[in-house]
Amino acid sequence: MAQLQIGDALKQFIEKSKLKNGIRAVQIESVWEEVMGKTIAKYTDKIEIINHTLFINTAVGPLKNELLYQKEKIIERINEAMGESYIRNVVIR
């Protein structure tokens, strides 16, 4: 039986579990203000990841329009902040 460091074992568990998207969403929320700015972060209600798609919820109409125009930049910034090309699409709700 091979021995693993606790960190390696946790990484393997997360990669194989259904928690992966939830953990990534929490990681994105933690860098969201830094990546997108204080104003956008303030008016963003919820962030979810489903099948490599980032769902961003906001109740502010003008912000929705602005985020729609910035989809490619959002994908680029988030993937850069996360250190991997995981997000492929953005949906603004």
PDB file of N, CA and C in Angstrom:
ATOM      1  N   MET A   1       0.851  -1.183   0.000  1.00  0.00           N
ATOM      2  CA  MET A   1       0.000   0.000   0.000  1.00  0.00           C
ATOM      3  C   MET A   1       0.887   1.233   0.000  1.00  0.00           C
ATOM      4  N   ALA A   2       0.670   2.129  -0.929  1.00  0.00           N
ATOM      5  CA  ALA A   2       1.477   3.353  -1.028  1.00  0.00           C
ATOM      6  C   ALA A   2       1.031   4.360   0.023  1.00  0.00           C
ATOM      7  N   GLN A   3       1.994   5.102   0.521  1.00  0.00           N
ATOM      8  CA  GLN A   3       1.698   6.142   1.498  1.00  0.00           C
ATOM      9  C   GLN A   3       1.657   7.489   0.792  1.00  0.00           C
ATOM     10  N   LEU A   4       0.711   8.312   1.192  1.00  0.00           N
ATOM     11  CA  LEU A   4       0.546   9.641   0.619  1.00  0.00           C
ATOM     12  C   LEU A   4       0.649  10.690   1.707  1.00  0.00           C
ATOM     13  N   GLN A   5       1.144  11.847   1.324  1.00  0.00           N
ATOM     14  CA  GLN A   5       1.078  12.991   2.226  1.00  0.00           C
ATOM     15  C   GLN A   5      -0.388  13.398   2.329  1.00  0.00           C
ATOM     16  N   ILE A   6      -0.775  14.002   3.457  1.00  0.00           N
ATOM     17  CA  ILE A   6      -2.179  14.357   3.658  1.00  0.00           C
ATOM     18  C   ILE A   6      -2.663  15.332   2.585  1.00  0.00           C
ATOM     19  N   GLY A   7      -1.804  16.268   2.166  1.00  0.00           N
ATOM     20  CA  GLY A   7      -2.179  17.225   1.126  1.00  0.00           C
ATOM     21  C   GLY A   7      -2.445  16.541  -0.200  1.00  0.00           C
ATOM     22  N   ASP A   8      -1.599  15.574  -0.563  1.00  0.00           N
ATOM     23  CA  ASP A   8      -1.788  14.833  -1.811  1.00  0.00           C
ATOM     24  C   ASP A   8      -3.065  13.996  -1.757  1.00  0.00           C
ATOM     25  N   ALA A   9      -3.330  13.405  -0.615  1.00  0.00           N
ATOM     26  CA  ALA A   9      -4.538  12.595  -0.454  1.00  0.00           C
ATOM     27  C   ALA A   9      -5.786  13.474  -0.593  1.00  0.00           C
ATOM     28  N   LEU A  10      -5.768  14.680  -0.002  1.00  0.00           N
ATOM     29  CA  LEU A  10      -6.908  15.588  -0.119  1.00  0.00           C
ATOM     30  C   LEU A  10      -7.110  16.036  -1.565  1.00  0.00           C
ATOM     31  N   LYS A  11      -6.026  16.328  -2.276  1.00  0.00           N
ATOM     32  CA  LYS A  11      -6.135  16.731  -3.682  1.00  0.00           C
ATOM     33  C   LYS A  11      -6.771  15.616  -4.506  1.00  0.00           C
ATOM     34  N   GLN A  12      -6.336  14.392  -4.284  1.00  0.00           N
ATOM     35  CA  GLN A  12      -6.904  13.258  -5.024  1.00  0.00           C
ATOM     36  C   GLN A  12      -8.385  13.086  -4.702  1.00  0.00           C
ATOM     37  N   PHE A  13      -8.731  13.234  -3.439  1.00  0.00           N
ATOM     38  CA  PHE A  13     -10.130  13.111  -3.031  1.00  0.00           C
ATOM     39  C   PHE A  13     -10.989  14.169  -3.707  1.00  0.00           C
ATOM     40  N   ILE A  14     -10.529  15.415  -3.707  1.00  0.00           N
ATOM     41  CA  ILE A  14     -11.286  16.516  -4.303  1.00  0.00           C
ATOM     42  C   ILE A  14     -11.435  16.314  -5.804  1.00  0.00           C
ATOM     43  N   GLU A  15     -10.376  15.869  -6.473  1.00  0.00           N
ATOM     44  CA  GLU A  15     -10.437  15.645  -7.919  1.00  0.00           C
ATOM     45  C   GLU A  15     -11.470  14.586  -8.283  1.00  0.00           C
ATOM     46  N   LYS A  16     -11.640  13.584  -7.435  1.00  0.00           N
ATOM     47  CA  LYS A  16     -12.551  12.481  -7.731  1.00  0.00           C
ATOM     48  C   LYS A  16     -13.963  12.705  -7.187  1.00  0.00           C
ATOM     49  N   SER A  17     -14.136  13.678  -6.299  1.00  0.00           N
ATOM     50  CA  SER A  17     -15.436  13.878  -5.660  1.00  0.00           C
ATOM     51  C   SER A  17     -16.279  14.892  -6.425  1.00  0.00           C
ATOM     52  N   LYS A  18     -17.513  15.009  -6.025  1.00  0.00           N
ATOM     53  CA  LYS A  18     -18.427  15.977  -6.620  1.00  0.00           C
ATOM     54  C   LYS A  18     -18.268  17.355  -5.982  1.00  0.00           C
ATOM     55  N   LEU A  19     -17.357  17.493  -5.058  1.00  0.00           N
ATOM     56  CA  LEU A  19     -17.119  18.771  -4.387  1.00  0.00           C
ATOM     57  C   LEU A  19     -16.261  19.721  -5.210  1.00  0.00           C
ATOM     58  N   LYS A  20     -15.673  19.229  -6.249  1.00  0.00           N
ATOM     59  CA  LYS A  20     -14.693  19.985  -7.027  1.00  0.00           C
ATOM     60  C   LYS A  20     -15.231  21.337  -7.501  1.00  0.00           C
ATOM     61  N   ASN A  21     -16.429  21.364  -8.109  1.00  0.00           N
ATOM     62  CA  ASN A  21     -16.983  22.619  -8.614  1.00  0.00           C
ATOM     63  C   ASN A  21     -17.315  23.592  -7.489  1.00  0.00           C
ATOM     64  N   GLY A  22     -17.821  23.074  -6.392  1.00  0.00           N
ATOM     65  CA  GLY A  22     -18.129  23.935  -5.251  1.00  0.00           C
ATOM     66  C   GLY A  22     -16.881  24.569  -4.664  1.00  0.00           C
ATOM     67  N   ILE A  23     -15.823  23.799  -4.585  1.00  0.00           N
ATOM     68  CA  ILE A  23     -14.559  24.321  -4.061  1.00  0.00           C
ATOM     69  C   ILE A  23     -13.990  25.361  -5.016  1.00  0.00           C
ATOM     70  N   ARG A  24     -14.062  25.097  -6.309  1.00  0.00           N
ATOM     71  CA  ARG A  24     -13.587  26.083  -7.299  1.00  0.00           C
ATOM     72  C   ARG A  24     -14.403  27.370  -7.205  1.00  0.00           C
ATOM     73  N   ALA A  25     -15.707  27.259  -7.016  1.00  0.00           N
ATOM     74  CA  ALA A  25     -16.556  28.451  -6.895  1.00  0.00           C
ATOM     75  C   ALA A  25     -16.147  29.276  -5.684  1.00  0.00           C
ATOM     76  N   VAL A  26     -15.846  28.618  -4.579  1.00  0.00           N
ATOM     77  CA  VAL A  26     -15.387  29.326  -3.377  1.00  0.00           C
ATOM     78  C   VAL A  26     -14.050  30.000  -3.647  1.00  0.00           C
ATOM     79  N   GLN A  27     -13.161  29.314  -4.359  1.00  0.00           N
ATOM     80  CA  GLN A  27     -11.867  29.911  -4.705  1.00  0.00           C
ATOM     81  C   GLN A  27     -12.065  31.136  -5.591  1.00  0.00           C
ATOM     82  N   ILE A  28     -12.973  31.059  -6.543  1.00  0.00           N
ATOM     83  CA  ILE A  28     -13.240  32.194  -7.418  1.00  0.00           C
ATOM     84  C   ILE A  28     -13.847  33.346  -6.632  1.00  0.00           C
ATOM     85  N   GLU A  29     -14.770  33.043  -5.719  1.00  0.00           N
ATOM     86  CA  GLU A  29     -15.353  34.094  -4.890  1.00  0.00           C
ATOM     87  C   GLU A  29     -14.291  34.810  -4.069  1.00  0.00           C
ATOM     88  N   SER A  30     -13.276  34.076  -3.635  1.00  0.00           N
ATOM     89  CA  SER A  30     -12.233  34.690  -2.815  1.00  0.00           C
ATOM     90  C   SER A  30     -11.356  35.653  -3.608  1.00  0.00           C
ATOM     91  N   VAL A  31     -11.233  35.462  -4.928  1.00  0.00           N
ATOM     92  CA  VAL A  31     -10.427  36.365  -5.756  1.00  0.00           C
ATOM     93  C   VAL A  31     -11.298  37.262  -6.640  1.00  0.00           C
ATOM     94  N   TRP A  32     -12.622  37.147  -6.551  1.00  0.00           N
ATOM     95  CA  TRP A  32     -13.533  37.871  -7.420  1.00  0.00           C
ATOM     96  C   TRP A  32     -13.326  39.388  -7.340  1.00  0.00           C
ATOM     97  N   GLU A  33     -13.263  39.930  -6.130  1.00  0.00           N
ATOM     98  CA  GLU A  33     -13.085  41.377  -5.965  1.00  0.00           C
ATOM     99  C   GLU A  33     -11.758  41.840  -6.551  1.00  0.00           C
ATOM    100  N   GLU A  34     -10.714  41.075  -6.321  1.00  0.00           N
ATOM    101  CA  GLU A  34      -9.391  41.407  -6.838  1.00  0.00           C
ATOM    102  C   GLU A  34      -9.373  41.377  -8.370  1.00  0.00           C
ATOM    103  N   VAL A  35     -10.047  40.394  -8.954  1.00  0.00           N
ATOM    104  CA  VAL A  35     -10.040  40.207 -10.398  1.00  0.00           C
ATOM    105  C   VAL A  35     -10.974  41.200 -11.106  1.00  0.00           C
ATOM    106  N   MET A  36     -12.164  41.414 -10.557  1.00  0.00           N
ATOM    107  CA  MET A  36     -13.178  42.219 -11.248  1.00  0.00           C
ATOM    108  C   MET A  36     -13.360  43.622 -10.683  1.00  0.00           C
ATOM    109  N   GLY A  37     -12.860  43.886  -9.485  1.00  0.00           N
ATOM    110  CA  GLY A  37     -13.011  45.205  -8.894  1.00  0.00           C
ATOM    111  C   GLY A  37     -14.080  45.230  -7.818  1.00  0.00           C
ATOM    112  N   LYS A  38     -13.978  46.230  -6.940  1.00  0.00           N
ATOM    113  CA  LYS A  38     -14.881  46.320  -5.782  1.00  0.00           C
ATOM    114  C   LYS A  38     -16.339  46.547  -6.178  1.00  0.00           C
ATOM    115  N   THR A  39     -16.578  47.396  -7.160  1.00  0.00           N
ATOM    116  CA  THR A  39     -17.953  47.726  -7.536  1.00  0.00           C
ATOM    117  C   THR A  39     -18.682  46.507  -8.089  1.00  0.00           C
ATOM    118  N   ILE A  40     -18.049  45.801  -8.996  1.00  0.00           N
ATOM    119  CA  ILE A  40     -18.680  44.602  -9.568  1.00  0.00           C
ATOM    120  C   ILE A  40     -18.882  43.544  -8.486  1.00  0.00           C
ATOM    121  N   ALA A  41     -17.889  43.359  -7.635  1.00  0.00           N
ATOM    122  CA  ALA A  41     -18.000  42.369  -6.557  1.00  0.00           C
ATOM    123  C   ALA A  41     -19.140  42.724  -5.597  1.00  0.00           C
ATOM    124  N   LYS A  42     -19.320  44.001  -5.343  1.00  0.00           N
ATOM    125  CA  LYS A  42     -20.358  44.454  -4.413  1.00  0.00           C
ATOM    126  C   LYS A  42     -21.763  44.096  -4.914  1.00  0.00           C
ATOM    127  N   TYR A  43     -21.975  44.166  -6.225  1.00  0.00           N
ATOM    128  CA  TYR A  43     -23.298  43.941  -6.797  1.00  0.00           C
ATOM    129  C   TYR A  43     -23.481  42.558  -7.413  1.00  0.00           C
ATOM    130  N   THR A  44     -22.521  41.677  -7.200  1.00  0.00           N
ATOM    131  CA  THR A  44     -22.645  40.296  -7.652  1.00  0.00           C
ATOM    132  C   THR A  44     -23.206  39.468  -6.496  1.00  0.00           C
ATOM    133  N   ASP A  45     -24.325  38.790  -6.742  1.00  0.00           N
ATOM    134  CA  ASP A  45     -25.004  38.067  -5.671  1.00  0.00           C
ATOM    135  C   ASP A  45     -24.459  36.662  -5.446  1.00  0.00           C
ATOM    136  N   LYS A  46     -24.228  35.927  -6.524  1.00  0.00           N
ATOM    137  CA  LYS A  46     -23.870  34.514  -6.381  1.00  0.00           C
ATOM    138  C   LYS A  46     -22.998  34.087  -7.545  1.00  0.00           C
ATOM    139  N   ILE A  47     -22.045  33.197  -7.277  1.00  0.00           N
ATOM    140  CA  ILE A  47     -21.182  32.631  -8.305  1.00  0.00           C
ATOM    141  C   ILE A  47     -21.261  31.107  -8.190  1.00  0.00           C
ATOM    142  N   GLU A  48     -21.525  30.442  -9.317  1.00  0.00           N
ATOM    143  CA  GLU A  48     -21.585  28.978  -9.355  1.00  0.00           C
ATOM    144  C   GLU A  48     -20.779  28.471 -10.543  1.00  0.00           C
ATOM    145  N   ILE A  49     -20.320  27.240 -10.458  1.00  0.00           N
ATOM    146  CA  ILE A  49     -19.673  26.585 -11.593  1.00  0.00           C
ATOM    147  C   ILE A  49     -20.396  25.270 -11.861  1.00  0.00           C
ATOM    148  N   ILE A  50     -20.814  25.104 -13.114  1.00  0.00           N
ATOM    149  CA  ILE A  50     -21.439  23.860 -13.546  1.00  0.00           C
ATOM    150  C   ILE A  50     -20.835  23.510 -14.902  1.00  0.00           C
ATOM    151  N   ASN A  51     -20.170  22.360 -14.983  1.00  0.00           N
ATOM    152  CA  ASN A  51     -19.586  21.871 -16.238  1.00  0.00           C
ATOM    153  C   ASN A  51     -18.731  22.924 -16.955  1.00  0.00           C
ATOM    154  N   HIS A  52     -17.774  23.463 -16.276  1.00  0.00           N
ATOM    155  CA  HIS A  52     -16.818  24.433 -16.819  1.00  0.00           C
ATOM    156  C   HIS A  52     -17.467  25.764 -17.197  1.00  0.00           C
ATOM    157  N   THR A  53     -18.701  26.009 -16.753  1.00  0.00           N
ATOM    158  CA  THR A  53     -19.389  27.263 -17.012  1.00  0.00           C
ATOM    159  C   THR A  53     -19.538  28.024 -15.706  1.00  0.00           C
ATOM    160  N   LEU A  54     -19.131  29.296 -15.729  1.00  0.00           N
ATOM    161  CA  LEU A  54     -19.245  30.172 -14.571  1.00  0.00           C
ATOM    162  C   LEU A  54     -20.569  30.915 -14.663  1.00  0.00           C
ATOM    163  N   PHE A  55     -21.436  30.741 -13.668  1.00  0.00           N
ATOM    164  CA  PHE A  55     -22.715  31.437 -13.601  1.00  0.00           C
ATOM    165  C   PHE A  55     -22.577  32.586 -12.613  1.00  0.00           C
ATOM    166  N   ILE A  56     -22.885  33.791 -13.081  1.00  0.00           N
ATOM    167  CA  ILE A  56     -22.775  34.989 -12.252  1.00  0.00           C
ATOM    168  C   ILE A  56     -24.175  35.574 -12.109  1.00  0.00           C
ATOM    169  N   ASN A  57     -24.640  35.735 -10.881  1.00  0.00           N
ATOM    170  CA  ASN A  57     -25.967  36.288 -10.627  1.00  0.00           C
ATOM    171  C   ASN A  57     -25.849  37.716 -10.112  1.00  0.00           C
ATOM    172  N   THR A  58     -26.636  38.612 -10.706  1.00  0.00           N
ATOM    173  CA  THR A  58     -26.726  39.990 -10.231  1.00  0.00           C
ATOM    174  C   THR A  58     -28.126  40.510 -10.540  1.00  0.00           C
ATOM    175  N   ALA A  59     -28.632  41.385  -9.685  1.00  0.00           N
ATOM    176  CA  ALA A  59     -29.956  41.969  -9.884  1.00  0.00           C
ATOM    177  C   ALA A  59     -29.862  43.334 -10.559  1.00  0.00           C
ATOM    178  N   VAL A  60     -28.674  43.796 -10.855  1.00  0.00           N
ATOM    179  CA  VAL A  60     -28.453  45.130 -11.421  1.00  0.00           C
ATOM    180  C   VAL A  60     -28.379  45.029 -12.949  1.00  0.00           C
ATOM    181  N   GLY A  61     -29.385  45.574 -13.630  1.00  0.00           N
ATOM    182  CA  GLY A  61     -29.488  45.485 -15.081  1.00  0.00           C
ATOM    183  C   GLY A  61     -28.276  46.023 -15.834  1.00  0.00           C
ATOM    184  N   PRO A  62     -27.833  47.261 -15.552  1.00  0.00           N
ATOM    185  CA  PRO A  62     -26.670  47.778 -16.276  1.00  0.00           C
ATOM    186  C   PRO A  62     -25.407  46.931 -16.063  1.00  0.00           C
ATOM    187  N   LEU A  63     -25.251  46.359 -14.879  1.00  0.00           N
ATOM    188  CA  LEU A  63     -24.098  45.496 -14.616  1.00  0.00           C
ATOM    189  C   LEU A  63     -24.184  44.225 -15.456  1.00  0.00           C
ATOM    190  N   LYS A  64     -25.381  43.677 -15.606  1.00  0.00           N
ATOM    191  CA  LYS A  64     -25.561  42.498 -16.455  1.00  0.00           C
ATOM    192  C   LYS A  64     -25.074  42.786 -17.871  1.00  0.00           C
ATOM    193  N   ASN A  65     -25.478  43.935 -18.397  1.00  0.00           N
ATOM    194  CA  ASN A  65     -25.054  44.304 -19.757  1.00  0.00           C
ATOM    195  C   ASN A  65     -23.545  44.444 -19.838  1.00  0.00           C
ATOM    196  N   GLU A  66     -22.946  45.097 -18.867  1.00  0.00           N
ATOM    197  CA  GLU A  66     -21.493  45.278 -18.865  1.00  0.00           C
ATOM    198  C   GLU A  66     -20.781  43.928 -18.799  1.00  0.00           C
ATOM    199  N   LEU A  67     -21.254  43.035 -17.953  1.00  0.00           N
ATOM    200  CA  LEU A  67     -20.634  41.710 -17.830  1.00  0.00           C
ATOM    201  C   LEU A  67     -20.805  40.890 -19.108  1.00  0.00           C
ATOM    202  N   LEU A  68     -21.941  41.066 -19.787  1.00  0.00           N
ATOM    203  CA  LEU A  68     -22.149  40.360 -21.057  1.00  0.00           C
ATOM    204  C   LEU A  68     -21.085  40.744 -22.081  1.00  0.00           C
ATOM    205  N   TYR A  69     -20.729  42.019 -22.110  1.00  0.00           N
ATOM    206  CA  TYR A  69     -19.707  42.490 -23.046  1.00  0.00           C
ATOM    207  C   TYR A  69     -18.303  42.035 -22.657  1.00  0.00           C
ATOM    208  N   GLN A  70     -18.112  41.678 -21.396  1.00  0.00           N
ATOM    209  CA  GLN A  70     -16.788  41.319 -20.899  1.00  0.00           C
ATOM    210  C   GLN A  70     -16.603  39.815 -20.690  1.00  0.00           C
ATOM    211  N   LYS A  71     -17.438  38.976 -21.260  1.00  0.00           N
ATOM    212  CA  LYS A  71     -17.363  37.530 -21.033  1.00  0.00           C
ATOM    213  C   LYS A  71     -15.968  36.964 -21.279  1.00  0.00           C
ATOM    214  N   GLU A  72     -15.368  37.280 -22.400  1.00  0.00           N
ATOM    215  CA  GLU A  72     -14.042  36.741 -22.731  1.00  0.00           C
ATOM    216  C   GLU A  72     -12.985  37.203 -21.736  1.00  0.00           C
ATOM    217  N   LYS A  73     -13.062  38.475 -21.329  1.00  0.00           N
ATOM    218  CA  LYS A  73     -12.104  38.982 -20.344  1.00  0.00           C
ATOM    219  C   LYS A  73     -12.302  38.308 -18.988  1.00  0.00           C
ATOM    220  N   ILE A  74     -13.550  38.052 -18.625  1.00  0.00           N
ATOM    221  CA  ILE A  74     -13.838  37.379 -17.351  1.00  0.00           C
ATOM    222  C   ILE A  74     -13.228  35.985 -17.367  1.00  0.00           C
ATOM    223  N   ILE A  75     -13.446  35.247 -18.454  1.00  0.00           N
ATOM    224  CA  ILE A  75     -12.880  33.895 -18.571  1.00  0.00           C
ATOM    225  C   ILE A  75     -11.363  33.954 -18.456  1.00  0.00           C
ATOM    226  N   GLU A  76     -10.770  34.872 -19.179  1.00  0.00           N
ATOM    227  CA  GLU A  76      -9.303  35.006 -19.171  1.00  0.00           C
ATOM    228  C   GLU A  76      -8.774  35.360 -17.783  1.00  0.00           C
ATOM    229  N   ARG A  77      -9.407  36.328 -17.138  1.00  0.00           N
ATOM    230  CA  ARG A  77      -8.946  36.770 -15.806  1.00  0.00           C
ATOM    231  C   ARG A  77      -9.108  35.687 -14.744  1.00  0.00           C
ATOM    232  N   ILE A  78     -10.254  35.013 -14.756  1.00  0.00           N
ATOM    233  CA  ILE A  78     -10.509  33.964 -13.757  1.00  0.00           C
ATOM    234  C   ILE A  78      -9.546  32.805 -13.957  1.00  0.00           C
ATOM    235  N   ASN A  79      -9.373  32.359 -15.191  1.00  0.00           N
ATOM    236  CA  ASN A  79      -8.454  31.253 -15.450  1.00  0.00           C
ATOM    237  C   ASN A  79      -7.031  31.618 -15.061  1.00  0.00           C
ATOM    238  N   GLU A  80      -6.637  32.855 -15.322  1.00  0.00           N
ATOM    239  CA  GLU A  80      -5.298  33.302 -14.932  1.00  0.00           C
ATOM    240  C   GLU A  80      -5.149  33.314 -13.413  1.00  0.00           C
ATOM    241  N   ALA A  81      -6.169  33.812 -12.714  1.00  0.00           N
ATOM    242  CA  ALA A  81      -6.119  33.858 -11.251  1.00  0.00           C
ATOM    243  C   ALA A  81      -6.103  32.464 -10.632  1.00  0.00           C
ATOM    244  N   MET A  82      -6.785  31.511 -11.284  1.00  0.00           N
ATOM    245  CA  MET A  82      -6.858  30.150 -10.759  1.00  0.00           C
ATOM    246  C   MET A  82      -5.648  29.314 -11.177  1.00  0.00           C
ATOM    247  N   GLY A  83      -4.895  29.793 -12.167  1.00  0.00           N
ATOM    248  CA  GLY A  83      -3.698  29.077 -12.588  1.00  0.00           C
ATOM    249  C   GLY A  83      -3.980  27.884 -13.492  1.00  0.00           C
ATOM    250  N   GLU A  84      -5.188  27.834 -14.069  1.00  0.00           N
ATOM    251  CA  GLU A  84      -5.543  26.757 -14.987  1.00  0.00           C
ATOM    252  C   GLU A  84      -6.679  27.218 -15.890  1.00  0.00           C
ATOM    253  N   SER A  85      -6.802  26.619 -17.039  1.00  0.00           N
ATOM    254  CA  SER A  85      -7.871  26.962 -17.985  1.00  0.00           C
ATOM    255  C   SER A  85      -9.077  26.076 -17.725  1.00  0.00           C
ATOM    256  N   TYR A  86      -9.826  26.387 -16.693  1.00  0.00           N
ATOM    257  CA  TYR A  86     -10.959  25.556 -16.302  1.00  0.00           C
ATOM    258  C   TYR A  86     -12.280  26.138 -16.815  1.00  0.00           C
ATOM    259  N   ILE A  87     -12.456  27.443 -16.699  1.00  0.00           N
ATOM    260  CA  ILE A  87     -13.701  28.091 -17.119  1.00  0.00           C
ATOM    261  C   ILE A  87     -13.689  28.261 -18.635  1.00  0.00           C
ATOM    262  N   ARG A  88     -14.747  27.790 -19.280  1.00  0.00           N
ATOM    263  CA  ARG A  88     -14.844  27.882 -20.741  1.00  0.00           C
ATOM    264  C   ARG A  88     -15.965  28.802 -21.196  1.00  0.00           C
ATOM    265  N   ASN A  89     -16.931  29.050 -20.314  1.00  0.00           N
ATOM    266  CA  ASN A  89     -18.077  29.874 -20.680  1.00  0.00           C
ATOM    267  C   ASN A  89     -18.561  30.644 -19.462  1.00  0.00           C
ATOM    268  N   VAL A  90     -19.232  31.766 -19.712  1.00  0.00           N
ATOM    269  CA  VAL A  90     -19.799  32.575 -18.630  1.00  0.00           C
ATOM    270  C   VAL A  90     -21.264  32.842 -18.961  1.00  0.00           C
ATOM    271  N   VAL A  91     -22.117  32.665 -17.967  1.00  0.00           N
ATOM    272  CA  VAL A  91     -23.538  32.961 -18.105  1.00  0.00           C
ATOM    273  C   VAL A  91     -23.886  34.000 -17.047  1.00  0.00           C
ATOM    274  N   ILE A  92     -24.498  35.101 -17.508  1.00  0.00           N
ATOM    275  CA  ILE A  92     -24.903  36.170 -16.598  1.00  0.00           C
ATOM    276  C   ILE A  92     -26.401  36.044 -16.359  1.00  0.00           C
ATOM    277  N   ARG A  93     -26.784  35.968 -15.093  1.00  0.00           N
ATOM    278  CA  ARG A  93     -28.218  35.856 -14.762  1.00  0.00           C
ATOM    279  C   ARG A  93     -28.604  36.989 -13.847  1.00  0.00           C
TER     280      ARG A  93
END
